[in-house]
Amino acid sequence: MGLFNKNQAKQLGKAGDVAGLIALIQQADEAKERADAAHELARLPDQIASGHADAARTALTDAAEDPDPEVRSAALFAWAELAWDDSLDRLLAATGDSEWMVRLFAVTMLGRFPGPRSAAALQKALADDSEAMVREGAASSLGQLADPATQQALRLAEERDPDREVRRAAKDAVKQLEKGPA
C-alpha cells in the first residue's frame, strides 16, 4: 500500500493538487506517505501562493511536529524550499530535535539561509552535537554560508573533532572561506 500511496503523492504533485497533498499530509496513516506528500508540496510554491498558503502552512506545521522523524525531516525540507518568512525559525528550532536525522536536515538546510542566526546555530551544532554526521553537516553548511566570522570554529573542529569526516568537512569549509565568494 505504501508504494501505491507514494505514487499517489507523486501523481498529486504532478497534477499540482495542493489540496490533495495537504490532505495526504494530514490524514495518511503511514509516515512514508505523509513525508512523500510534504516533499511534493514543496515543489508547488506558485500553487500554494495562489490560495492554499494558510492550509499548507498548517499542514507543514503539523508535519514538523509529527512523531516520525522522516515526516519531520520532510517538513523541514518543505519549509526550506518554500522559504517563507518563518522558515529560518523552523530550521533553527529543529537543530534541537531529539533525532539526529532531523538535526542533520536542519543544519544542511541552514546553509541556504545566510546570516548571524544561522551561523550561530551551525557553530553550536559543530561544537556540541553528539552525532558526527550532524557536526559534519554543520561544517559543510558553514562553508556554504561563507561567513569569515565562523573560521575560528571551523579551525577548532578541524584540529580537535574526534571524527575524521568532521575534521575533513571543517577543513574543506575553511578552504571555501579562504577562497572567498565564487
C-alpha atoms as a PDB file:
ATOM      1  CA  MET A   1       0.000   0.000   0.000  1.00  0.00           C
ATOM      2  CA  GLY A   2       2.889   2.376   0.743  1.00  0.00           C
ATOM      3  CA  LEU A   3       4.199   2.128  -2.820  1.00  0.00           C
ATOM      4  CA  PHE A   4       0.758   2.984  -4.218  1.00  0.00           C
ATOM      5  CA  ASN A   5       0.488   5.977  -1.929  1.00  0.00           C
ATOM      6  CA  LYS A   6       3.970   7.168  -2.849  1.00  0.00           C
ATOM      7  CA  ASN A   7       2.784   7.146  -6.412  1.00  0.00           C
ATOM      8  CA  GLN A   8      -0.332   8.941  -5.213  1.00  0.00           C
ATOM      9  CA  ALA A   9       1.782  11.751  -3.734  1.00  0.00           C
ATOM     10  CA  LYS A  10       3.793  11.994  -6.954  1.00  0.00           C
ATOM     11  CA  GLN A  11       0.616  11.996  -9.034  1.00  0.00           C
ATOM     12  CA  LEU A  12      -0.899  14.707  -6.862  1.00  0.00           C
ATOM     13  CA  GLY A  13       2.321  16.699  -7.187  1.00  0.00           C
ATOM     14  CA  LYS A  14       2.420  16.337 -10.965  1.00  0.00           C
ATOM     15  CA  ALA A  15      -1.209  17.433 -11.120  1.00  0.00           C
ATOM     16  CA  GLY A  16      -0.465  20.453  -8.919  1.00  0.00           C
ATOM     17  CA  ASP A  17      -3.099  19.235  -6.460  1.00  0.00           C
ATOM     18  CA  VAL A  18      -2.102  21.176  -3.368  1.00  0.00           C
ATOM     19  CA  ALA A  19      -5.339  20.345  -1.547  1.00  0.00           C
ATOM     20  CA  GLY A  20      -4.804  16.632  -2.179  1.00  0.00           C
ATOM     21  CA  LEU A  21      -1.234  16.781  -0.878  1.00  0.00           C
ATOM     22  CA  ILE A  22      -2.330  18.688   2.215  1.00  0.00           C
ATOM     23  CA  ALA A  23      -4.987  16.043   2.873  1.00  0.00           C
ATOM     24  CA  LEU A  24      -2.387  13.287   2.482  1.00  0.00           C
ATOM     25  CA  ILE A  25      -0.017  15.026   4.916  1.00  0.00           C
ATOM     26  CA  GLN A  26      -2.790  15.386   7.481  1.00  0.00           C
ATOM     27  CA  GLN A  27      -4.646  12.105   7.052  1.00  0.00           C
ATOM     28  CA  ALA A  28      -2.313   9.377   5.783  1.00  0.00           C
ATOM     29  CA  ASP A  29      -1.781   6.550   8.240  1.00  0.00           C
ATOM     30  CA  GLU A  30       1.742   5.733   7.102  1.00  0.00           C
ATOM     31  CA  ALA A  31       4.599   8.100   7.895  1.00  0.00           C
ATOM     32  CA  LYS A  32       6.191   7.477   4.486  1.00  0.00           C
ATOM     33  CA  GLU A  33       3.035   8.733   2.788  1.00  0.00           C
ATOM     34  CA  ARG A  34       2.996  11.911   4.882  1.00  0.00           C
ATOM     35  CA  ALA A  35       6.684  12.510   4.179  1.00  0.00           C
ATOM     36  CA  ASP A  36       6.290  11.964   0.431  1.00  0.00           C
ATOM     37  CA  ALA A  37       3.357  14.382   0.356  1.00  0.00           C
ATOM     38  CA  ALA A  38       5.396  17.056   2.183  1.00  0.00           C
ATOM     39  CA  HIS A  39       8.233  16.648  -0.346  1.00  0.00           C
ATOM     40  CA  GLU A  40       5.828  17.024  -3.243  1.00  0.00           C
ATOM     41  CA  LEU A  41       4.133  20.022  -1.642  1.00  0.00           C
ATOM     42  CA  ALA A  42       7.492  21.821  -1.501  1.00  0.00           C
ATOM     43  CA  ARG A  43       7.643  21.698  -5.294  1.00  0.00           C
ATOM     44  CA  LEU A  44       4.458  23.736  -5.733  1.00  0.00           C
ATOM     45  CA  PRO A  45       5.196  27.229  -4.388  1.00  0.00           C
ATOM     46  CA  ASP A  46       3.129  29.043  -7.024  1.00  0.00           C
ATOM     47  CA  GLN A  47       0.064  26.877  -6.481  1.00  0.00           C
ATOM     48  CA  ILE A  48       0.410  27.260  -2.702  1.00  0.00           C
ATOM     49  CA  ALA A  49       0.666  31.044  -3.010  1.00  0.00           C
ATOM     50  CA  SER A  50      -2.487  31.208  -5.112  1.00  0.00           C
ATOM     51  CA  GLY A  51      -4.966  30.271  -2.423  1.00  0.00           C
ATOM     52  CA  HIS A  52      -3.523  27.475  -0.296  1.00  0.00           C
ATOM     53  CA  ALA A  53      -0.908  29.255   1.816  1.00  0.00           C
ATOM     54  CA  ASP A  54      -2.714  29.015   5.159  1.00  0.00           C
ATOM     55  CA  ALA A  55      -3.672  25.359   4.716  1.00  0.00           C
ATOM     56  CA  ALA A  56      -0.169  24.437   3.511  1.00  0.00           C
ATOM     57  CA  ARG A  57       1.409  26.253   6.441  1.00  0.00           C
ATOM     58  CA  THR A  58      -0.892  24.433   8.881  1.00  0.00           C
ATOM     59  CA  ALA A  59      -0.148  21.050   7.312  1.00  0.00           C
ATOM     60  CA  LEU A  60       3.606  21.637   7.380  1.00  0.00           C
ATOM     61  CA  THR A  61       3.463  22.943  10.950  1.00  0.00           C
ATOM     62  CA  ASP A  62       1.723  19.729  11.971  1.00  0.00           C
ATOM     63  CA  ALA A  63       4.235  17.670   9.963  1.00  0.00           C
ATOM     64  CA  ALA A  64       7.128  19.455  11.684  1.00  0.00           C
ATOM     65  CA  GLU A  65       5.769  18.109  14.981  1.00  0.00           C
ATOM     66  CA  ASP A  66       4.963  14.602  13.692  1.00  0.00           C
ATOM     67  CA  PRO A  67       6.175  11.737  15.901  1.00  0.00           C
ATOM     68  CA  ASP A  68       8.036  10.230  12.940  1.00  0.00           C
ATOM     69  CA  PRO A  69      11.471  11.762  12.189  1.00  0.00           C
ATOM     70  CA  GLU A  70      11.114  11.112   8.447  1.00  0.00           C
ATOM     71  CA  VAL A  71       7.984  13.262   8.369  1.00  0.00           C
ATOM     72  CA  ARG A  72       9.653  15.993  10.439  1.00  0.00           C
ATOM     73  CA  SER A  73      12.627  15.955   8.049  1.00  0.00           C
ATOM     74  CA  ALA A  74      10.340  16.197   5.011  1.00  0.00           C
ATOM     75  CA  ALA A  75       8.559  19.139   6.628  1.00  0.00           C
ATOM     76  CA  LEU A  76      11.924  20.874   7.143  1.00  0.00           C
ATOM     77  CA  PHE A  77      12.778  20.302   3.505  1.00  0.00           C
ATOM     78  CA  ALA A  78       9.471  21.900   2.524  1.00  0.00           C
ATOM     79  CA  TRP A  79       9.942  24.883   4.865  1.00  0.00           C
ATOM     80  CA  ALA A  80      13.420  25.476   3.418  1.00  0.00           C
ATOM     81  CA  GLU A  81      12.296  25.081  -0.200  1.00  0.00           C
ATOM     82  CA  LEU A  82       9.317  27.384   0.238  1.00  0.00           C
ATOM     83  CA  ALA A  83      11.498  29.952   2.066  1.00  0.00           C
ATOM     84  CA  TRP A  84       8.643  31.518   3.987  1.00  0.00           C
ATOM     85  CA  ASP A  85       9.325  34.340   6.438  1.00  0.00           C
ATOM     86  CA  ASP A  86       9.453  31.917   9.353  1.00  0.00           C
ATOM     87  CA  SER A  87      11.362  29.114   7.589  1.00  0.00           C
ATOM     88  CA  LEU A  88      14.575  30.073   9.347  1.00  0.00           C
ATOM     89  CA  ASP A  89      12.849  29.876  12.739  1.00  0.00           C
ATOM     90  CA  ARG A  90      11.607  26.356  11.911  1.00  0.00           C
ATOM     91  CA  LEU A  91      15.081  25.215  10.920  1.00  0.00           C
ATOM     92  CA  LEU A  92      16.696  26.755  13.984  1.00  0.00           C
ATOM     93  CA  ALA A  93      14.199  25.039  16.275  1.00  0.00           C
ATOM     94  CA  ALA A  94      14.880  21.695  14.602  1.00  0.00           C
ATOM     95  CA  THR A  95      18.598  21.852  15.450  1.00  0.00           C
ATOM     96  CA  GLY A  96      17.478  20.784  18.934  1.00  0.00           C
ATOM     97  CA  ASP A  97      15.368  17.821  17.781  1.00  0.00           C
ATOM     98  CA  SER A  98      15.811  14.538  19.644  1.00  0.00           C
ATOM     99  CA  GLU A  99      16.530  12.628  16.399  1.00  0.00           C
ATOM    100  CA  TRP A 100      19.907  13.082  14.727  1.00  0.00           C
ATOM    101  CA  MET A 101      18.367  12.686  11.242  1.00  0.00           C
ATOM    102  CA  VAL A 102      16.127  15.701  11.800  1.00  0.00           C
ATOM    103  CA  ARG A 103      19.033  17.740  13.182  1.00  0.00           C
ATOM    104  CA  LEU A 104      21.083  16.766  10.112  1.00  0.00           C
ATOM    105  CA  PHE A 105      18.332  18.013   7.789  1.00  0.00           C
ATOM    106  CA  ALA A 106      18.124  21.229   9.796  1.00  0.00           C
ATOM    107  CA  VAL A 107      21.857  22.010   9.659  1.00  0.00           C
ATOM    108  CA  THR A 108      22.019  21.076   5.984  1.00  0.00           C
ATOM    109  CA  MET A 109      19.158  23.407   5.108  1.00  0.00           C
ATOM    110  CA  LEU A 110      20.559  26.235   7.270  1.00  0.00           C
ATOM    111  CA  GLY A 111      23.377  26.567   4.742  1.00  0.00           C
ATOM    112  CA  ARG A 112      20.788  28.196   2.450  1.00  0.00           C
ATOM    113  CA  PHE A 113      19.993  30.958   4.945  1.00  0.00           C
ATOM    114  CA  PRO A 114      22.986  33.277   5.378  1.00  0.00           C
ATOM    115  CA  GLY A 115      23.063  35.435   8.449  1.00  0.00           C
ATOM    116  CA  PRO A 116      24.225  35.558  12.044  1.00  0.00           C
ATOM    117  CA  ARG A 117      21.420  33.367  13.429  1.00  0.00           C
ATOM    118  CA  SER A 118      22.208  30.535  11.023  1.00  0.00           C
ATOM    119  CA  ALA A 119      25.934  30.889  11.609  1.00  0.00           C
ATOM    120  CA  ALA A 120      25.498  30.790  15.394  1.00  0.00           C
ATOM    121  CA  ALA A 121      23.277  27.703  15.282  1.00  0.00           C
ATOM    122  CA  LEU A 122      25.661  25.921  12.932  1.00  0.00           C
ATOM    123  CA  GLN A 123      28.672  26.750  15.087  1.00  0.00           C
ATOM    124  CA  LYS A 124      26.830  25.399  18.131  1.00  0.00           C
ATOM    125  CA  ALA A 125      25.935  22.177  16.283  1.00  0.00           C
ATOM    126  CA  LEU A 126      29.532  21.828  15.088  1.00  0.00           C
ATOM    127  CA  ALA A 127      30.870  22.178  18.613  1.00  0.00           C
ATOM    128  CA  ASP A 128      28.224  20.388  20.651  1.00  0.00           C
ATOM    129  CA  ASP A 129      26.154  17.861  18.705  1.00  0.00           C
ATOM    130  CA  SER A 130      26.644  14.277  19.851  1.00  0.00           C
ATOM    131  CA  GLU A 131      26.240  12.865  16.325  1.00  0.00           C
ATOM    132  CA  ALA A 132      29.235  13.122  13.995  1.00  0.00           C
ATOM    133  CA  MET A 133      27.070  13.300  10.870  1.00  0.00           C
ATOM    134  CA  VAL A 134      25.306  16.361  12.253  1.00  0.00           C
ATOM    135  CA  ARG A 135      28.636  18.031  13.062  1.00  0.00           C
ATOM    136  CA  GLU A 136      29.870  17.194   9.561  1.00  0.00           C
ATOM    137  CA  GLY A 137      26.730  18.703   8.039  1.00  0.00           C
ATOM    138  CA  ALA A 138      27.145  21.808  10.179  1.00  0.00           C
ATOM    139  CA  ALA A 139      30.731  22.251   8.983  1.00  0.00           C
ATOM    140  CA  SER A 140      29.692  21.919   5.346  1.00  0.00           C
ATOM    141  CA  SER A 141      26.860  24.400   5.802  1.00  0.00           C
ATOM    142  CA  LEU A 142      29.216  26.876   7.448  1.00  0.00           C
ATOM    143  CA  GLY A 143      31.333  26.648   4.325  1.00  0.00           C
ATOM    144  CA  GLN A 144      28.260  27.458   2.226  1.00  0.00           C
ATOM    145  CA  LEU A 145      27.483  30.489   4.359  1.00  0.00           C
ATOM    146  CA  ALA A 146      30.962  31.862   3.619  1.00  0.00           C
ATOM    147  CA  ASP A 147      30.974  33.913   6.824  1.00  0.00           C
ATOM    148  CA  PRO A 148      34.573  34.715   7.821  1.00  0.00           C
ATOM    149  CA  ALA A 149      33.468  35.048  11.453  1.00  0.00           C
ATOM    150  CA  THR A 150      32.966  31.259  11.556  1.00  0.00           C
ATOM    151  CA  GLN A 151      36.541  30.431  10.610  1.00  0.00           C
ATOM    152  CA  GLN A 152      37.719  30.031  14.215  1.00  0.00           C
ATOM    153  CA  ALA A 153      35.004  27.474  14.999  1.00  0.00           C
ATOM    154  CA  LEU A 154      35.836  25.576  11.817  1.00  0.00           C
ATOM    155  CA  ARG A 155      39.556  25.550  12.562  1.00  0.00           C
ATOM    156  CA  LEU A 156      38.886  24.275  16.068  1.00  0.00           C
ATOM    157  CA  ALA A 157      36.756  21.429  14.671  1.00  0.00           C
ATOM    158  CA  GLU A 158      39.427  20.725  12.042  1.00  0.00           C
ATOM    159  CA  GLU A 159      42.022  20.314  14.794  1.00  0.00           C
ATOM    160  CA  ARG A 160      40.043  18.686  17.604  1.00  0.00           C
ATOM    161  CA  ASP A 161      36.915  16.886  16.474  1.00  0.00           C
ATOM    162  CA  PRO A 162      37.216  13.165  17.232  1.00  0.00           C
ATOM    163  CA  ASP A 163      35.642  12.187  13.898  1.00  0.00           C
ATOM    164  CA  ARG A 164      37.795  12.162  10.766  1.00  0.00           C
ATOM    165  CA  GLU A 165      34.888  13.105   8.449  1.00  0.00           C
ATOM    166  CA  VAL A 166      34.002  16.104  10.591  1.00  0.00           C
ATOM    167  CA  ARG A 167      37.626  17.256  10.534  1.00  0.00           C
ATOM    168  CA  ARG A 168      37.702  16.866   6.744  1.00  0.00           C
ATOM    169  CA  ALA A 169      34.425  18.793   6.309  1.00  0.00           C
ATOM    170  CA  ALA A 170      35.744  21.579   8.554  1.00  0.00           C
ATOM    171  CA  LYS A 171      38.988  21.713   6.565  1.00  0.00           C
ATOM    172  CA  ASP A 172      37.038  21.931   3.292  1.00  0.00           C
ATOM    173  CA  ALA A 173      34.851  24.693   4.727  1.00  0.00           C
ATOM    174  CA  VAL A 174      37.930  26.685   5.785  1.00  0.00           C
ATOM    175  CA  LYS A 175      39.268  26.358   2.243  1.00  0.00           C
ATOM    176  CA  GLN A 176      35.953  27.679   0.902  1.00  0.00           C
ATOM    177  CA  LEU A 177      36.192  30.644   3.252  1.00  0.00           C
ATOM    178  CA  GLU A 178      39.751  31.377   2.225  1.00  0.00           C
ATOM    179  CA  LYS A 179      38.820  31.320  -1.470  1.00  0.00           C
ATOM    180  CA  GLY A 180      36.021  33.785  -0.872  1.00  0.00           C
ATOM    181  CA  PRO A 181      32.767  34.087  -2.783  1.00  0.00           C
ATOM    182  CA  ALA A 182      32.619  32.235  -6.061  1.00  0.00           C
END
